[in-house]
C-alpha atoms as a PDB file:
ATOM      1  CA  MET A   1       1.428 -55.937 -15.211  1.00  0.00           C
ATOM      2  CA  ARG A   2       3.041 -52.933 -16.875  1.00  0.00           C
ATOM      3  CA  LEU A   3       5.998 -52.893 -14.497  1.00  0.00           C
ATOM      4  CA  PHE A   4       7.137 -56.377 -15.426  1.00  0.00           C
ATOM      5  CA  GLU A   5       6.580 -55.739 -19.105  1.00  0.00           C
ATOM      6  CA  ALA A   6       8.909 -52.722 -18.804  1.00  0.00           C
ATOM      7  CA  ILE A   7      11.560 -54.867 -17.144  1.00  0.00           C
ATOM      8  CA  LYS A   8      11.169 -57.487 -19.864  1.00  0.00           C
ATOM      9  CA  ALA A   9      11.626 -54.723 -22.455  1.00  0.00           C
ATOM     10  CA  GLU A  10      14.806 -53.715 -20.663  1.00  0.00           C
ATOM     11  CA  ASN A  11      15.915 -57.355 -20.843  1.00  0.00           C
ATOM     12  CA  ARG A  12      15.302 -57.335 -24.599  1.00  0.00           C
ATOM     13  CA  GLU A  13      17.610 -54.317 -24.867  1.00  0.00           C
ATOM     14  CA  ILE A  14      20.291 -56.235 -22.995  1.00  0.00           C
ATOM     15  CA  LEU A  15      19.799 -59.117 -25.437  1.00  0.00           C
ATOM     16  CA  ARG A  16      20.181 -56.712 -28.386  1.00  0.00           C
ATOM     17  CA  THR A  17      23.428 -55.412 -26.895  1.00  0.00           C
ATOM     18  CA  LEU A  18      24.615 -59.007 -26.468  1.00  0.00           C
ATOM     19  CA  SER A  19      23.797 -59.779 -30.093  1.00  0.00           C
ATOM     20  CA  LEU A  20      25.722 -56.718 -31.252  1.00  0.00           C
ATOM     21  CA  LEU A  21      28.625 -57.719 -29.026  1.00  0.00           C
ATOM     22  CA  GLU A  22      28.606 -61.247 -30.451  1.00  0.00           C
ATOM     23  CA  ASP A  23      28.468 -59.854 -33.992  1.00  0.00           C
ATOM     24  CA  SER A  24      31.391 -57.517 -33.222  1.00  0.00           C
ATOM     25  CA  THR A  25      33.834 -60.368 -32.658  1.00  0.00           C
ATOM     26  CA  ALA A  26      35.062 -60.087 -36.248  1.00  0.00           C
ATOM     27  CA  GLY A  27      35.170 -56.288 -36.117  1.00  0.00           C
ATOM     28  CA  ASP A  28      36.580 -53.302 -34.370  1.00  0.00           C
ATOM     29  CA  PRO A  29      38.000 -53.825 -30.839  1.00  0.00           C
ATOM     30  CA  GLU A  30      36.850 -50.319 -29.854  1.00  0.00           C
ATOM     31  CA  SER A  31      33.251 -51.201 -30.764  1.00  0.00           C
ATOM     32  CA  ARG A  32      33.513 -54.295 -28.585  1.00  0.00           C
ATOM     33  CA  SER A  33      34.761 -52.200 -25.671  1.00  0.00           C
ATOM     34  CA  ARG A  34      31.871 -49.732 -26.046  1.00  0.00           C
ATOM     35  CA  LEU A  35      29.307 -52.529 -26.286  1.00  0.00           C
ATOM     36  CA  LEU A  36      30.795 -54.307 -23.294  1.00  0.00           C
ATOM     37  CA  ASP A  37      30.624 -51.071 -21.309  1.00  0.00           C
ATOM     38  CA  ALA A  38      26.970 -50.601 -22.336  1.00  0.00           C
ATOM     39  CA  LEU A  39      26.271 -54.176 -21.247  1.00  0.00           C
ATOM     40  CA  ARG A  40      28.012 -53.585 -17.905  1.00  0.00           C
ATOM     41  CA  VAL A  41      25.942 -50.459 -17.238  1.00  0.00           C
ATOM     42  CA  SER A  42      22.659 -52.157 -18.223  1.00  0.00           C
ATOM     43  CA  ILE A  43      23.330 -55.182 -16.041  1.00  0.00           C
ATOM     44  CA  ALA A  44      24.339 -53.027 -13.085  1.00  0.00           C
ATOM     45  CA  GLU A  45      21.129 -51.011 -13.462  1.00  0.00           C
ATOM     46  CA  GLN A  46      19.049 -54.168 -13.740  1.00  0.00           C
ATOM     47  CA  ASN A  47      20.731 -55.531 -10.627  1.00  0.00           C
ATOM     48  CA  ARG A  48      19.940 -52.322  -8.727  1.00  0.00           C
ATOM     49  CA  ILE A  49      16.282 -52.435  -9.803  1.00  0.00           C
ATOM     50  CA  ALA A  50      16.038 -56.084  -8.751  1.00  0.00           C
ATOM     51  CA  GLU A  51      17.582 -55.399  -5.336  1.00  0.00           C
ATOM     52  CA  ASP A  52      15.615 -52.223  -4.668  1.00  0.00           C
ATOM     53  CA  TYR A  53      12.206 -53.127  -6.089  1.00  0.00           C
ATOM     54  CA  ILE A  54      11.755 -56.730  -7.196  1.00  0.00           C
ATOM     55  CA  TYR A  55      13.394 -58.787  -4.465  1.00  0.00           C
ATOM     56  CA  PRO A  56      11.528 -57.032  -1.639  1.00  0.00           C
ATOM     57  CA  ILE A  57       8.262 -58.334  -3.130  1.00  0.00           C
ATOM     58  CA  PHE A  58       9.382 -61.810  -2.078  1.00  0.00           C
ATOM     59  CA  THR A  59      10.268 -61.146   1.565  1.00  0.00           C
ATOM     60  CA  ALA A  60       7.332 -63.104   2.974  1.00  0.00           C
ATOM     61  CA  ALA A  61       7.157 -65.927   0.430  1.00  0.00           C
ATOM     62  CA  GLU A  62       9.257 -69.045   1.101  1.00  0.00           C
ATOM     63  CA  ARG A  63       9.478 -69.994  -2.578  1.00  0.00           C
ATOM     64  CA  GLY A  64      10.221 -66.370  -3.315  1.00  0.00           C
ATOM     65  CA  ARG A  65      13.329 -66.389  -1.152  1.00  0.00           C
ATOM     66  CA  GLU A  66      14.669 -69.334  -3.143  1.00  0.00           C
ATOM     67  CA  LEU A  67      14.027 -67.471  -6.396  1.00  0.00           C
ATOM     68  CA  VAL A  68      15.769 -64.373  -5.062  1.00  0.00           C
ATOM     69  CA  GLU A  69      18.775 -66.339  -3.818  1.00  0.00           C
ATOM     70  CA  ARG A  70      19.190 -67.948  -7.227  1.00  0.00           C
ATOM     71  CA  SER A  71      18.808 -64.619  -8.995  1.00  0.00           C
ATOM     72  CA  ARG A  72      21.327 -62.904  -6.712  1.00  0.00           C
ATOM     73  CA  HIS A  73      23.810 -65.721  -7.221  1.00  0.00           C
ATOM     74  CA  GLU A  74      23.459 -65.597 -11.001  1.00  0.00           C
ATOM     75  CA  LEU A  75      23.752 -61.806 -11.108  1.00  0.00           C
ATOM     76  CA  SER A  76      26.805 -61.949  -8.867  1.00  0.00           C
ATOM     77  CA  GLU A  77      28.438 -64.409 -11.264  1.00  0.00           C
ATOM     78  CA  ILE A  78      27.515 -62.223 -14.228  1.00  0.00           C
ATOM     79  CA  ASP A  79      28.879 -59.107 -12.501  1.00  0.00           C
ATOM     80  CA  ARG A  80      32.203 -60.888 -11.971  1.00  0.00           C
ATOM     81  CA  ALA A  81      32.268 -62.143 -15.557  1.00  0.00           C
ATOM     82  CA  VAL A  82      31.518 -58.684 -16.961  1.00  0.00           C
ATOM     83  CA  GLU A  83      34.164 -57.136 -14.701  1.00  0.00           C
ATOM     84  CA  ASP A  84      36.675 -59.736 -15.912  1.00  0.00           C
ATOM     85  CA  ALA A  85      35.659 -58.954 -19.488  1.00  0.00           C
ATOM     86  CA  THR A  86      36.641 -55.315 -19.046  1.00  0.00           C
ATOM     87  CA  HIS A  87      40.238 -56.566 -18.735  1.00  0.00           C
ATOM     88  CA  TRP A  88      40.166 -58.725 -21.860  1.00  0.00           C
ATOM     89  CA  ALA A  89      42.273 -57.784 -24.854  1.00  0.00           C
ATOM     90  CA  MET A  90      39.521 -56.947 -27.321  1.00  0.00           C
ATOM     91  CA  ASP A  91      41.729 -57.879 -30.272  1.00  0.00           C
ATOM     92  CA  ASP A  92      42.590 -61.320 -28.824  1.00  0.00           C
ATOM     93  CA  SER A  93      41.904 -64.217 -31.196  1.00  0.00           C
ATOM     94  CA  GLY A  94      39.898 -66.010 -28.461  1.00  0.00           C
ATOM     95  CA  ILE A  95      37.577 -63.085 -27.806  1.00  0.00           C
ATOM     96  CA  LYS A  96      34.741 -64.688 -29.782  1.00  0.00           C
ATOM     97  CA  TYR A  97      34.653 -67.651 -27.396  1.00  0.00           C
ATOM     98  CA  ARG A  98      34.896 -65.489 -24.292  1.00  0.00           C
ATOM     99  CA  ILE A  99      32.059 -63.277 -25.479  1.00  0.00           C
ATOM    100  CA  GLY A 100      30.040 -66.389 -26.346  1.00  0.00           C
ATOM    101  CA  ALA A 101      30.470 -67.755 -22.813  1.00  0.00           C
ATOM    102  CA  LEU A 102      29.513 -64.419 -21.243  1.00  0.00           C
ATOM    103  CA  SER A 103      26.514 -64.151 -23.547  1.00  0.00           C
ATOM    104  CA  GLY A 104      25.339 -67.630 -22.583  1.00  0.00           C
ATOM    105  CA  GLN A 105      25.518 -66.734 -18.903  1.00  0.00           C
ATOM    106  CA  VAL A 106      23.534 -63.522 -19.362  1.00  0.00           C
ATOM    107  CA  ARG A 107      20.948 -65.137 -21.642  1.00  0.00           C
ATOM    108  CA  ALA A 108      20.378 -67.977 -19.160  1.00  0.00           C
ATOM    109  CA  HIS A 109      19.770 -65.495 -16.339  1.00  0.00           C
ATOM    110  CA  LEU A 110      17.398 -63.353 -18.401  1.00  0.00           C
ATOM    111  CA  THR A 111      15.433 -66.468 -19.347  1.00  0.00           C
ATOM    112  CA  TYR A 112      15.202 -67.458 -15.683  1.00  0.00           C
ATOM    113  CA  GLU A 113      14.117 -63.967 -14.717  1.00  0.00           C
ATOM    114  CA  THR A 114      11.506 -63.733 -17.473  1.00  0.00           C
ATOM    115  CA  GLU A 115      10.065 -67.224 -17.058  1.00  0.00           C
ATOM    116  CA  GLU A 116      10.258 -67.726 -13.286  1.00  0.00           C
ATOM    117  CA  LEU A 117      11.143 -64.689 -11.179  1.00  0.00           C
ATOM    118  CA  LEU A 118       8.962 -61.993 -12.760  1.00  0.00           C
ATOM    119  CA  PRO A 119       5.832 -64.156 -13.157  1.00  0.00           C
ATOM    120  CA  GLN A 120       6.062 -65.100  -9.472  1.00  0.00           C
ATOM    121  CA  ALA A 121       6.531 -61.440  -8.482  1.00  0.00           C
ATOM    122  CA  ASP A 122       3.547 -60.553 -10.637  1.00  0.00           C
ATOM    123  CA  ARG A 123       1.387 -63.043  -8.718  1.00  0.00           C
ATOM    124  CA  LEU A 124       2.512 -61.627  -5.361  1.00  0.00           C
ATOM    125  CA  LEU A 125       2.121 -57.931  -6.185  1.00  0.00           C
ATOM    126  CA  GLY A 126      -1.305 -56.314  -6.033  1.00  0.00           C
ATOM    127  CA  ASP A 127      -2.422 -53.527  -8.358  1.00  0.00           C
ATOM    128  CA  ASP A 128      -2.090 -50.794  -5.717  1.00  0.00           C
ATOM    129  CA  GLU A 129       1.377 -51.994  -4.777  1.00  0.00           C
ATOM    130  CA  GLU A 130       2.352 -52.059  -8.440  1.00  0.00           C
ATOM    131  CA  LYS A 131       1.147 -48.470  -8.929  1.00  0.00           C
ATOM    132  CA  ALA A 132       3.158 -47.305  -5.908  1.00  0.00           C
ATOM    133  CA  LEU A 133       6.225 -49.169  -7.142  1.00  0.00           C
ATOM    134  CA  ILE A 134       5.858 -47.679 -10.629  1.00  0.00           C
ATOM    135  CA  GLU A 135       5.783 -44.179  -9.117  1.00  0.00           C
ATOM    136  CA  VAL A 136       8.983 -44.818  -7.174  1.00  0.00           C
ATOM    137  CA  ILE A 137      10.810 -46.385 -10.115  1.00  0.00           C
ATOM    138  CA  THR A 138       9.760 -43.725 -12.619  1.00  0.00           C
ATOM    139  CA  GLY A 139      11.165 -41.095 -10.287  1.00  0.00           C
ATOM    140  CA  ARG A 140      14.539 -42.856 -10.162  1.00  0.00           C
ATOM    141  CA  ASN A 141      15.067 -44.581 -13.501  1.00  0.00           C
ATOM    142  CA  GLU A 142      14.412 -42.702 -16.730  1.00  0.00           C
ATOM    143  CA  ARG A 143      14.882 -45.730 -19.018  1.00  0.00           C
ATOM    144  CA  ILE A 144      12.242 -47.742 -17.174  1.00  0.00           C
ATOM    145  CA  ALA A 145      10.064 -44.636 -16.739  1.00  0.00           C
ATOM    146  CA  HIS A 146       9.982 -44.164 -20.503  1.00  0.00           C
ATOM    147  CA  LYS A 147       8.670 -47.703 -20.972  1.00  0.00           C
ATOM    148  CA  LEU A 148       5.968 -47.181 -18.343  1.00  0.00           C
ATOM    149  CA  ARG A 149       4.599 -43.922 -19.741  1.00  0.00           C
ATOM    150  CA  PRO A 150       1.624 -44.116 -22.086  1.00  0.00           C
ATOM    151  CA  HIS A 151       2.652 -43.303 -25.662  1.00  0.00           C
END
């Protein structure tokens, strides 16, 4: 479904930001701070979309509740890690390892979301429901809306 492909595209952007952040460990501390802030904003937006639009798809499915609980737990851990990262000294000699650990956490969650959560949501959501959800999301999130518009 187009909706989930747009979310996966958003995930790929998060992965690109992570790669840039990892590559910045030998570079400018200000660049790291900007990339970390971009990552924080993207993850917060993804979390909001999941809470507002994706998780409600699972309300009636037993297996779905388990998937949502896991996703919420992982995102909560990532939120804390990203918040902690905003207090790191970006010129610290150990920053490469800290960024690597954060990156691993985010990558693991995005893999889980892409391979388990979104495919299950796709199976539960009908075409009409998807169209209604797309209309709501495009009215509230320009980045996702752009991915959903025909080009």
